């Protein structure tokens, strides 16, 4: 299996993750050519559906980057379908309770660890005939913590068997806590909440990730012990680059 993310973690290093909101296999291929550890296709707030996600997974497979997806919701059908399409990691939004986390992990694991249905159509083609035997250890499961309820339940959530880690959704978390949406938080109350999640993950021996708006903040989070950082998205990077070009030309 091509699993650069696990290789990076095995070395004790923090990983950097690309985020794909644009529904296009070429942009996915370009992202996979860069020095990321993983590439995540966003089916929640990104503009992607299953069919284009399949093509994007194929594009990412031309590299050694770990192909991941953010699913639209904690719904077993789409989770299993994207795993069968070859994704090696799943980020699931709005995990608020231990029961939510157990349902999420169960959809990503074959029996006896979960209830994933056996039919890894493309996954077996690209990951090997023994895919089912090794999938439970290979698939990364990251539960998004992004509400006040999840923060209150974080100790119970991080203890979920089979959960690889938590992924902080800073904008929704900030909104839920009454501070308005946004990333790269410096407000003491938000920093304290984020570090509370980090500390719970470290105590449970699982990974902790976060979505960042800038490379400066992402580097800071890695220095603070975060295991995975995402910087912006392909859509925002494209818009920023095009805006810079036109601004320079109009000047």
Protein backbone atom coordinates (compact mmCIF):
# COMPACT_ATOMS: atom_id res chain seq x y z
CA UNK A 1 0.00 0.00 0.00
CA UNK A 2 1.13 3.56 -0.76
CA UNK A 3 0.77 5.08 2.70
CA UNK A 4 3.12 8.03 3.12
CA UNK A 5 1.05 9.37 6.01
CA UNK A 6 1.65 6.31 8.19
CA UNK A 7 5.32 6.31 7.19
CA UNK A 8 5.63 9.94 8.31
CA UNK A 9 3.94 9.17 11.63
CA UNK A 10 6.11 6.09 12.15
CA UNK A 11 9.14 8.40 11.94
CA UNK A 12 7.64 10.62 14.65
CA UNK A 13 7.10 13.55 12.30
CA UNK A 14 4.16 15.90 11.84
CA UNK A 15 2.37 15.47 8.51
CA UNK A 16 1.05 18.01 6.00
CA UNK A 17 -2.21 17.36 4.20
CA UNK A 18 -3.57 18.78 0.94
CA UNK A 19 -7.28 19.66 0.77
CA UNK A 20 -9.18 19.30 -2.50
CA UNK A 21 -12.45 21.20 -2.92
CA UNK A 22 -12.29 21.59 -6.71
CA UNK A 23 -13.92 18.66 -8.56
CA UNK A 24 -11.19 17.87 -11.05
CA UNK A 25 -8.77 14.98 -11.53
CA UNK A 26 -6.06 17.23 -12.98
CA UNK A 27 -5.93 19.51 -9.94
CA UNK A 28 -5.92 16.39 -7.75
CA UNK A 29 -2.99 15.03 -9.75
CA UNK A 30 -1.11 18.33 -9.39
CA UNK A 31 -1.64 18.29 -5.62
CA UNK A 32 -0.43 14.69 -5.42
CA UNK A 33 2.76 15.69 -7.24
CA UNK A 34 3.67 18.08 -4.45
CA UNK A 35 5.49 17.17 -1.21
CA UNK A 36 2.42 16.45 0.88
CA UNK A 37 2.03 13.37 3.06
CA UNK A 38 -1.66 12.94 2.31
CA UNK A 39 -4.29 14.36 -0.02
CA UNK A 40 -7.89 14.73 1.15
CA UNK A 41 -10.86 14.99 -1.20
CA UNK A 42 -13.63 16.99 0.45
CA UNK A 43 -17.16 15.70 -0.18
CA UNK A 44 -18.73 17.75 2.60
CA UNK A 45 -18.10 21.42 1.86
CA UNK A 46 -16.04 20.80 -1.24
CA UNK A 47 -17.72 20.68 -4.66
CA UNK A 48 -17.11 16.95 -5.11
CA UNK A 49 -19.53 14.06 -5.47
CA UNK A 50 -18.76 10.33 -5.50
CA UNK A 51 -18.10 9.97 -9.22
CA UNK A 52 -15.56 12.77 -9.45
CA UNK A 53 -14.04 11.64 -6.14
CA UNK A 54 -13.39 8.26 -7.77
CA UNK A 55 -11.51 9.94 -10.63
CA UNK A 56 -9.58 12.07 -8.16
CA UNK A 57 -8.63 9.00 -6.13
CA UNK A 58 -7.30 7.47 -9.34
CA UNK A 59 -5.21 10.60 -9.95
CA UNK A 60 -3.80 10.58 -6.42
CA UNK A 61 -2.88 6.90 -6.82
CA UNK A 62 -0.21 7.88 -9.35
CA UNK A 63 1.82 9.14 -6.37
CA UNK A 64 2.90 7.78 -2.98
CA UNK A 65 0.58 10.16 -1.12
CA UNK A 66 -2.07 8.73 1.19
CA UNK A 67 -5.47 9.24 -0.42
CA UNK A 68 -8.11 10.38 2.07
CA UNK A 69 -11.66 11.71 1.91
CA UNK A 70 -13.84 13.88 4.07
CA UNK A 71 -17.28 12.35 3.88
CA UNK A 72 -20.46 14.47 3.81
CA UNK A 73 -21.75 12.99 7.06
CA UNK A 74 -21.44 10.09 9.49
CA UNK A 75 -23.37 7.78 7.16
CA UNK A 76 -22.14 4.20 6.63
CA UNK A 77 -23.09 3.90 2.97
CA UNK A 78 -20.90 6.69 1.62
CA UNK A 79 -18.06 5.85 4.02
CA UNK A 80 -17.92 2.24 2.82
CA UNK A 81 -18.34 3.21 -0.84
CA UNK A 82 -15.37 5.60 -0.73
CA UNK A 83 -13.22 3.04 1.08
CA UNK A 84 -14.15 0.49 -1.59
CA UNK A 85 -13.04 3.10 -4.15
CA UNK A 86 -9.56 3.05 -2.64
CA UNK A 87 -9.42 5.77 0.03
CA UNK A 88 -7.03 4.88 2.86
CA UNK A 89 -8.28 7.52 5.27
CA UNK A 90 -11.63 9.00 6.26
CA UNK A 91 -12.26 12.31 8.01
CA UNK A 92 -15.81 12.37 9.39
CA UNK A 93 -17.53 15.65 10.35
CA UNK A 94 -19.58 16.49 13.43
CA UNK A 95 -18.62 13.66 15.77
CA UNK A 96 -20.23 14.80 19.01
CA UNK A 97 -20.40 11.70 21.21
CA UNK A 98 -18.70 8.37 21.87
CA UNK A 99 -21.66 6.69 20.10
CA UNK A 100 -21.05 8.84 17.01
CA UNK A 101 -17.37 7.85 17.01
CA UNK A 102 -18.17 4.16 17.45
CA UNK A 103 -20.60 4.25 14.50
CA UNK A 104 -17.98 6.01 12.37
CA UNK A 105 -15.14 3.62 13.21
CA UNK A 106 -17.43 0.62 12.79
CA UNK A 107 -18.22 1.62 9.21
CA UNK A 108 -14.48 1.70 8.45
CA UNK A 109 -13.63 -1.69 10.00
CA UNK A 110 -14.42 -5.24 8.95
CA UNK A 111 -15.75 -7.69 11.53
CA UNK A 112 -15.00 -8.34 14.37
CA UNK A 113 -13.82 -4.72 14.85
CA UNK A 114 -16.66 -3.18 12.89
CA UNK A 115 -19.51 -3.78 10.48
CA UNK A 116 -18.03 -2.72 7.13
CA UNK A 117 -19.53 -4.71 4.27
CA UNK A 118 -17.07 -6.75 2.20
CA UNK A 119 -16.80 -5.63 -1.43
CA UNK A 120 -13.61 -3.59 -1.90
CA UNK A 121 -14.04 -3.21 -5.66
CA UNK A 122 -11.20 -0.84 -6.57
CA UNK A 123 -9.44 -1.06 -3.21
CA UNK A 124 -8.50 -4.68 -3.83
CA UNK A 125 -7.25 -3.85 -7.33
CA UNK A 126 -4.81 -1.21 -6.14
CA UNK A 127 -4.01 -2.32 -2.58
CA UNK A 128 -3.65 -6.06 -3.19
CA UNK A 129 -5.57 -9.31 -3.02
CA UNK A 130 -5.04 -9.43 0.77
CA UNK A 131 -6.69 -6.03 1.22
CA UNK A 132 -9.49 -7.25 3.51
CA UNK A 133 -6.97 -8.90 5.84
CA UNK A 134 -4.94 -5.72 6.26
CA UNK A 135 -7.56 -2.98 5.82
CA UNK A 136 -8.45 -2.63 9.51
CA UNK A 137 -4.85 -1.67 10.30
CA UNK A 138 -4.37 0.46 7.19
CA UNK A 139 -7.46 2.71 7.14
CA UNK A 140 -7.00 5.98 9.01
CA UNK A 141 -10.07 7.20 10.91
CA UNK A 142 -10.15 10.85 11.97
CA UNK A 143 -13.20 12.15 13.82
CA UNK A 144 -13.87 15.87 13.47
CA UNK A 145 -14.41 17.72 16.73
CA UNK A 146 -16.16 20.98 15.97
CA UNK A 147 -18.92 21.65 18.51
CA UNK A 148 -19.32 22.53 22.17
CA UNK A 149 -20.95 19.15 22.73
CA UNK A 150 -17.96 17.33 21.24
CA UNK A 151 -15.58 19.37 23.39
CA UNK A 152 -17.53 18.42 26.50
CA UNK A 153 -17.38 14.74 25.47
CA UNK A 154 -13.79 14.72 24.21
CA UNK A 155 -12.44 12.38 26.91
CA UNK A 156 -15.03 9.74 26.04
CA UNK A 157 -14.64 10.20 22.27
CA UNK A 158 -10.84 9.79 22.21
CA UNK A 159 -11.19 6.46 24.05
CA UNK A 160 -13.13 4.93 21.14
CA UNK A 161 -11.43 1.66 20.08
CA UNK A 162 -10.05 1.80 16.55
CA UNK A 163 -10.13 5.59 16.28
CA UNK A 164 -6.89 6.84 14.73
CA UNK A 165 -7.30 10.40 15.90
CA UNK A 166 -9.26 13.62 16.10
CA UNK A 167 -9.33 16.45 13.57
CA UNK A 168 -10.14 19.94 14.82
CA UNK A 169 -12.58 21.89 12.66
CA UNK A 170 -11.64 25.34 14.02
CA UNK A 171 -14.27 27.38 12.21
CA UNK A 172 -17.29 25.36 13.33
CA UNK A 173 -15.81 24.91 16.80
CA UNK A 174 -15.34 28.65 17.15
CA UNK A 175 -18.87 29.26 15.88
CA UNK A 176 -20.28 26.73 18.34
CA UNK A 177 -18.42 28.34 21.25
CA UNK A 178 -19.83 31.76 20.37
CA UNK A 179 -16.77 33.41 18.83
CA UNK A 180 -17.78 33.37 15.17
CA UNK A 181 -16.21 31.34 12.36
CA UNK A 182 -12.53 31.46 11.49
CA UNK A 183 -9.20 29.64 11.52
CA UNK A 184 -5.73 30.26 12.98
CA UNK A 185 -7.12 31.27 16.36
CA UNK A 186 -5.16 33.34 18.85
CA UNK A 187 -8.04 34.21 21.21
CA UNK A 188 -7.11 32.66 24.58
CA UNK A 189 -10.42 30.86 24.96
CA UNK A 190 -10.11 29.20 21.55
CA UNK A 191 -6.47 28.32 22.05
CA UNK A 192 -7.38 26.70 25.37
CA UNK A 193 -10.16 24.66 23.73
CA UNK A 194 -7.85 23.48 20.93
CA UNK A 195 -5.13 22.52 23.39
CA UNK A 196 -7.67 20.70 25.53
CA UNK A 197 -8.43 18.50 22.53
CA UNK A 198 -4.73 17.99 21.83
CA UNK A 199 -4.06 16.99 25.43
CA UNK A 200 -6.97 14.51 25.44
CA UNK A 201 -5.63 12.88 22.26
CA UNK A 202 -2.09 12.67 23.63
CA UNK A 203 -3.36 11.12 26.86
CA UNK A 204 -5.31 8.52 24.85
CA UNK A 205 -2.34 7.78 22.57
CA UNK A 206 -4.09 8.82 19.36
CA UNK A 207 -3.33 11.38 16.66
CA UNK A 208 -4.46 14.99 16.55
CA UNK A 209 -4.97 17.06 13.39
CA UNK A 210 -6.19 20.57 12.62
CA UNK A 211 -7.24 22.67 9.63
CA UNK A 212 -5.14 25.84 9.29
CA UNK A 213 -5.36 28.95 7.19
CA UNK A 214 -1.64 29.63 6.81
CA UNK A 215 1.68 27.81 6.72
CA UNK A 216 2.88 29.94 9.66
CA UNK A 217 0.05 28.72 11.88
CA UNK A 218 0.41 25.14 10.64
CA UNK A 219 4.11 25.11 11.54
CA UNK A 220 3.20 26.45 14.98
CA UNK A 221 0.67 23.66 15.48
CA UNK A 222 3.22 20.99 14.51
CA UNK A 223 5.60 22.54 17.06
CA UNK A 224 2.76 22.27 19.59
CA UNK A 225 2.54 18.52 19.00
CA UNK A 226 -0.11 18.25 16.30
CA UNK A 227 0.33 15.20 14.07
CA UNK A 228 -1.49 16.45 10.96
CA UNK A 229 -1.99 19.93 9.57
CA UNK A 230 -4.00 21.01 6.56
CA UNK A 231 -3.24 24.39 5.01
CA UNK A 232 -6.17 26.11 3.30
CA UNK A 233 -7.43 24.29 0.15
CA UNK A 234 -6.83 24.04 -3.57
CA UNK A 235 -9.71 26.44 -4.23
CA UNK A 236 -8.36 29.13 -1.92
CA UNK A 237 -4.81 28.65 -3.20
CA UNK A 238 -5.98 29.01 -6.79
CA UNK A 239 -8.04 32.12 -6.01
CA UNK A 240 -5.13 33.70 -4.12
CA UNK A 241 -2.64 32.98 -6.91
CA UNK A 242 -4.95 34.33 -9.62
CA UNK A 243 -5.69 37.41 -7.51
CA UNK A 244 -1.99 38.07 -7.03
CA UNK A 245 -1.36 37.83 -10.77
CA UNK A 246 -4.10 40.28 -11.68
CA UNK A 247 -3.20 42.68 -8.84
CA UNK A 248 0.42 42.80 -9.98
CA UNK A 249 -0.60 43.32 -13.61
CA UNK A 250 -3.15 46.05 -12.83
CA UNK A 251 -0.58 47.85 -10.71
